Protein backbone atom coordinates (compact mmCIF):
# COMPACT_ATOMS: atom_id res chain seq x y z
CA MET A 1 16.59 -20.32 -12.30
CA THR A 2 14.70 -22.15 -9.75
CA LYS A 3 11.71 -20.47 -8.01
CA GLN A 4 13.94 -19.80 -4.94
CA GLU A 5 16.72 -18.42 -7.11
CA LYS A 6 14.21 -16.00 -8.69
CA VAL A 7 12.93 -15.01 -5.27
CA GLN A 8 16.52 -14.27 -4.11
CA PHE A 9 17.26 -12.25 -7.32
CA VAL A 10 14.22 -10.08 -6.66
CA ILE A 11 15.38 -9.55 -3.01
CA ASP A 12 19.03 -8.79 -4.04
CA THR A 13 18.06 -6.38 -6.90
CA LEU A 14 15.50 -4.44 -4.78
CA ASN A 15 18.17 -4.10 -1.93
CA ASP A 16 20.66 -2.81 -4.45
CA ILE A 17 18.28 -0.20 -5.82
CA TYR A 18 16.49 0.76 -2.53
CA PRO A 19 18.74 0.12 0.36
CA GLU A 20 16.79 2.55 2.41
CA ILE A 21 13.01 2.78 1.61
CA PRO A 22 10.88 5.77 2.48
CA ILE A 23 7.22 5.36 3.46
CA PRO A 24 5.33 7.19 0.66
CA LEU A 25 2.52 8.65 2.83
CA ASP A 26 3.40 11.46 5.17
CA HIS A 27 2.36 10.86 8.81
CA LYS A 28 3.59 11.40 12.39
CA ASP A 29 1.96 8.60 14.25
CA PRO A 30 -0.35 5.49 13.92
CA TYR A 31 -3.51 7.62 13.72
CA THR A 32 -2.34 9.98 10.99
CA LEU A 33 -0.88 6.97 9.03
CA LEU A 34 -4.26 5.19 9.26
CA ILE A 35 -6.16 8.25 7.93
CA ALA A 36 -3.50 8.74 5.16
CA VAL A 37 -3.74 5.14 4.03
CA LEU A 38 -7.55 5.26 3.98
CA LEU A 39 -7.42 8.33 1.92
CA SER A 40 -5.00 6.79 -0.61
CA ALA A 41 -7.59 4.31 -1.81
CA GLN A 42 -8.11 4.99 -5.61
CA SER A 43 -6.07 7.99 -5.24
CA THR A 44 -2.34 8.84 -5.53
CA ASP A 45 0.16 9.23 -2.63
CA VAL A 46 1.17 12.61 -4.06
CA LYS A 47 -2.44 13.90 -3.91
CA VAL A 48 -2.98 12.48 -0.46
CA ASN A 49 0.22 14.15 0.79
CA GLU A 50 -1.08 17.47 -0.54
CA ILE A 51 -4.37 17.10 1.31
CA THR A 52 -3.36 15.67 4.66
CA PRO A 53 -1.50 18.69 6.05
CA LYS A 54 -4.57 20.65 5.66
CA LEU A 55 -6.63 18.02 7.47
CA PHE A 56 -4.04 17.31 10.17
CA ASP A 57 -3.59 21.08 10.89
CA ILE A 58 -7.21 21.11 11.98
CA ALA A 59 -7.53 17.50 13.39
CA ASP A 60 -4.52 15.21 13.91
CA ASP A 61 -6.09 12.95 16.52
CA PRO A 62 -9.47 11.19 16.89
CA TYR A 63 -10.68 13.71 19.63
CA LYS A 64 -10.19 16.69 17.36
CA MET A 65 -11.55 14.78 14.32
CA VAL A 66 -14.94 13.95 15.87
CA LYS A 67 -15.46 17.68 16.56
CA LEU A 68 -15.66 18.21 12.85
CA THR A 69 -18.76 17.25 10.94
CA ILE A 70 -18.68 14.73 8.20
CA GLU A 71 -19.44 17.65 5.76
CA GLU A 72 -16.43 19.59 6.99
CA ILE A 73 -14.09 16.55 6.62
CA ARG A 74 -15.50 15.87 3.23
CA ASP A 75 -14.90 19.51 2.03
CA ILE A 76 -11.09 19.14 3.00
CA ILE A 77 -10.55 15.62 1.45
CA LYS A 78 -12.69 16.19 -1.65
CA PRO A 79 -9.71 16.27 -4.02
CA VAL A 80 -8.62 12.69 -3.18
CA GLY A 81 -11.94 11.14 -4.54
CA LEU A 82 -14.51 9.00 -2.84
CA SER A 83 -14.92 11.76 -0.27
CA PRO A 84 -18.53 10.85 0.78
CA MET A 85 -17.47 7.30 1.90
CA LYS A 86 -13.98 8.34 3.32
CA SER A 87 -15.32 11.32 5.33
CA LYS A 88 -18.00 9.02 6.92
CA GLY A 89 -15.32 6.49 7.49
CA ILE A 90 -12.82 8.91 9.10
CA HIS A 91 -15.52 10.34 11.50
CA GLY A 92 -16.92 6.92 12.34
CA LEU A 93 -13.56 5.26 13.09
CA SER A 94 -12.43 8.25 15.17
CA GLU A 95 -15.51 7.64 17.33
CA ILE A 96 -14.80 4.01 17.71
CA LEU A 97 -11.14 4.69 18.58
CA ILE A 98 -12.22 7.01 21.34
CA ASN A 99 -14.98 4.71 22.74
CA LYS A 100 -13.37 1.36 22.33
CA TYR A 101 -9.55 1.98 22.35
CA ASN A 102 -9.01 5.20 24.40
CA GLY A 103 -8.13 7.05 21.33
CA GLU A 104 -5.45 4.67 20.30
CA VAL A 105 -4.98 2.84 17.04
CA PRO A 106 -5.23 -0.99 17.72
CA ARG A 107 -2.11 -3.03 16.66
CA ASP A 108 -4.34 -5.98 15.50
CA ILE A 109 -5.31 -6.43 11.78
CA ASP A 110 -8.67 -7.97 12.60
CA ALA A 111 -9.51 -5.05 14.96
CA LEU A 112 -8.44 -2.54 12.32
CA GLU A 113 -10.58 -4.29 9.64
CA GLU A 114 -13.68 -3.87 11.77
CA LEU A 115 -13.31 0.00 11.58
CA PRO A 116 -15.41 1.83 8.99
CA ALA A 117 -13.80 2.24 5.54
CA VAL A 118 -10.76 0.20 6.64
CA GLY A 119 -10.15 -2.94 4.44
CA HIS A 120 -7.48 -5.58 4.65
CA LYS A 121 -4.83 -3.73 2.70
CA THR A 122 -5.14 -0.61 4.76
CA ALA A 123 -5.01 -2.54 8.04
CA SER A 124 -1.94 -4.42 6.75
CA VAL A 125 -0.15 -1.18 5.85
CA VAL A 126 -0.93 0.27 9.29
CA VAL A 127 0.33 -2.77 11.29
CA ALA A 128 3.48 -3.10 9.10
CA GLN A 129 4.56 0.67 9.00
CA ALA A 130 3.18 1.99 12.35
CA PHE A 131 3.94 -1.04 14.48
CA ASN A 132 6.54 -3.01 12.58
CA ILE A 133 4.45 -6.17 12.67
CA PRO A 134 5.14 -8.34 9.55
CA ALA A 135 2.41 -7.94 7.00
CA PHE A 136 2.45 -8.00 3.16
CA PRO A 137 -0.07 -5.43 1.86
CA VAL A 138 -0.80 -6.06 -1.86
CA ASP A 139 -1.68 -3.06 -3.91
CA THR A 140 -1.99 -2.91 -7.74
CA HIS A 141 1.80 -2.37 -8.24
CA ILE A 142 2.61 -5.53 -6.25
CA HIS A 143 -0.16 -7.48 -7.81
CA ARG A 144 0.99 -6.51 -11.34
CA LEU A 145 4.65 -7.24 -10.62
CA MET A 146 4.15 -10.56 -8.80
CA TYR A 147 2.27 -11.66 -12.01
CA ARG A 148 4.89 -10.32 -14.37
CA TRP A 149 7.61 -12.08 -12.36
CA ASN A 150 5.75 -15.38 -12.57
CA LEU A 151 5.57 -15.55 -8.75
CA THR A 152 1.73 -15.86 -8.68
CA ASN A 153 -1.09 -16.69 -11.01
CA GLY A 154 -2.30 -13.18 -10.53
CA LYS A 155 -6.05 -14.12 -10.28
CA ASN A 156 -6.68 -11.82 -7.29
CA VAL A 157 -4.98 -9.79 -4.71
CA VAL A 158 -5.80 -12.37 -1.98
CA GLN A 159 -3.88 -15.09 -3.78
CA THR A 160 -1.13 -12.87 -4.65
CA GLU A 161 -0.73 -11.91 -0.87
CA LYS A 162 -0.66 -15.62 0.04
CA ASP A 163 2.01 -16.42 -2.59
CA ALA A 164 4.08 -13.35 -1.47
CA LYS A 165 4.04 -14.49 2.09
CA ARG A 166 4.93 -18.07 1.13
CA LEU A 167 7.88 -17.08 -1.03
CA PHE A 168 9.50 -14.21 0.74
CA PRO A 169 11.04 -14.44 4.25
CA LYS A 170 8.79 -13.03 6.95
CA ASP A 171 11.49 -10.66 8.34
CA LEU A 172 11.63 -8.98 4.89
CA TRP A 173 7.87 -8.46 4.26
CA ASN A 174 7.59 -4.91 5.59
CA LYS A 175 10.54 -3.64 3.56
CA LEU A 176 9.88 -5.70 0.49
CA HIS A 177 6.33 -4.57 0.02
CA LEU A 178 7.57 -0.91 -0.13
CA GLN A 179 10.53 -1.75 -2.31
CA ILE A 180 8.19 -3.48 -4.82
CA ILE A 181 5.79 -0.55 -4.85
CA TRP A 182 8.62 1.89 -5.64
CA TYR A 183 10.11 -0.41 -8.31
CA GLY A 184 6.69 -0.82 -9.92
CA ARG A 185 6.31 2.88 -10.21
CA GLN A 186 9.80 3.64 -11.50
CA TYR A 187 10.64 0.58 -13.66
CA SER A 188 7.45 -1.56 -14.30
CA PRO A 189 4.41 0.66 -14.52
CA ALA A 190 1.10 -0.38 -16.04
CA ARG A 191 1.50 2.28 -18.78
CA GLY A 192 4.53 3.39 -20.55
CA TRP A 193 6.36 0.29 -19.55
CA ASP A 194 9.96 -0.11 -20.93
CA LEU A 195 11.15 -3.65 -20.54
CA GLU A 196 14.80 -2.71 -21.10
CA LYS A 197 14.78 -0.68 -17.93
CA ASP A 198 12.94 -3.33 -15.96
CA ILE A 199 15.72 -5.58 -15.05
CA ILE A 200 13.69 -7.99 -12.75
CA THR A 201 10.94 -8.67 -15.29
CA LYS A 202 13.58 -8.91 -18.19
CA THR A 203 15.61 -11.47 -16.14
CA ILE A 204 12.85 -13.69 -14.54
CA GLY A 205 9.55 -12.48 -16.06
CA ARG A 206 6.71 -14.59 -17.32
CA LYS A 207 7.33 -15.70 -20.86
CA THR A 208 3.73 -14.91 -22.06
CA VAL A 209 4.00 -11.36 -20.66
CA ILE A 210 7.40 -10.80 -22.34
CA ASN A 211 6.26 -12.24 -25.65
CA GLU A 212 3.17 -10.03 -25.51
CA TYR A 213 5.37 -6.95 -24.73
CA ASN A 214 7.66 -7.77 -27.71
CA LYS A 215 4.65 -8.35 -30.08
CA ARG A 216 3.32 -4.88 -29.22
CA LYS A 217 6.73 -3.28 -29.78
CA LYS A 218 6.97 -4.65 -33.34
């Protein structure tokens, strides 16, 4: 297969498995999505979805959020981990949204990245999922799979994002990044990986990765 045929195989397979793709984090608008994505850093979506209803019942917009103290926010979000940094970030970005953006979440990646505790991946997810602006947020699942599929050298997420954007059509980015995340969780996880169930890696995977897998299985 050529590189382009491999890319098309990935697209076709993911569309067969996930014709419709849900956004994994529960939210109702750009602000609640921003908070949920921020909370998901080094945590699971399941854990975040358990915590956000408690937080959003009290504060589901920046005006209500700044009425809480950092300590009050921290008490609610503690189970998701990194709560000291995340609670400061949530309070701080809510103040900035009020003072600089009339309480609205900006639609621009660079503006989002200037907010406290908001990195490139978080900003990319928000513009993609809240505003339907093409972005390709790379998380650990996408990073791992792009390497396994020999579509990137896998040195870092910055390079993986560049390669993903170069290989995949722009109008598919927003759907594809979610499809790859779901596929990685279901069929190509870091632990407990069964190559027989992972049709994409089995078909187009990096030879060294497949050989290493087969060695371990012997």
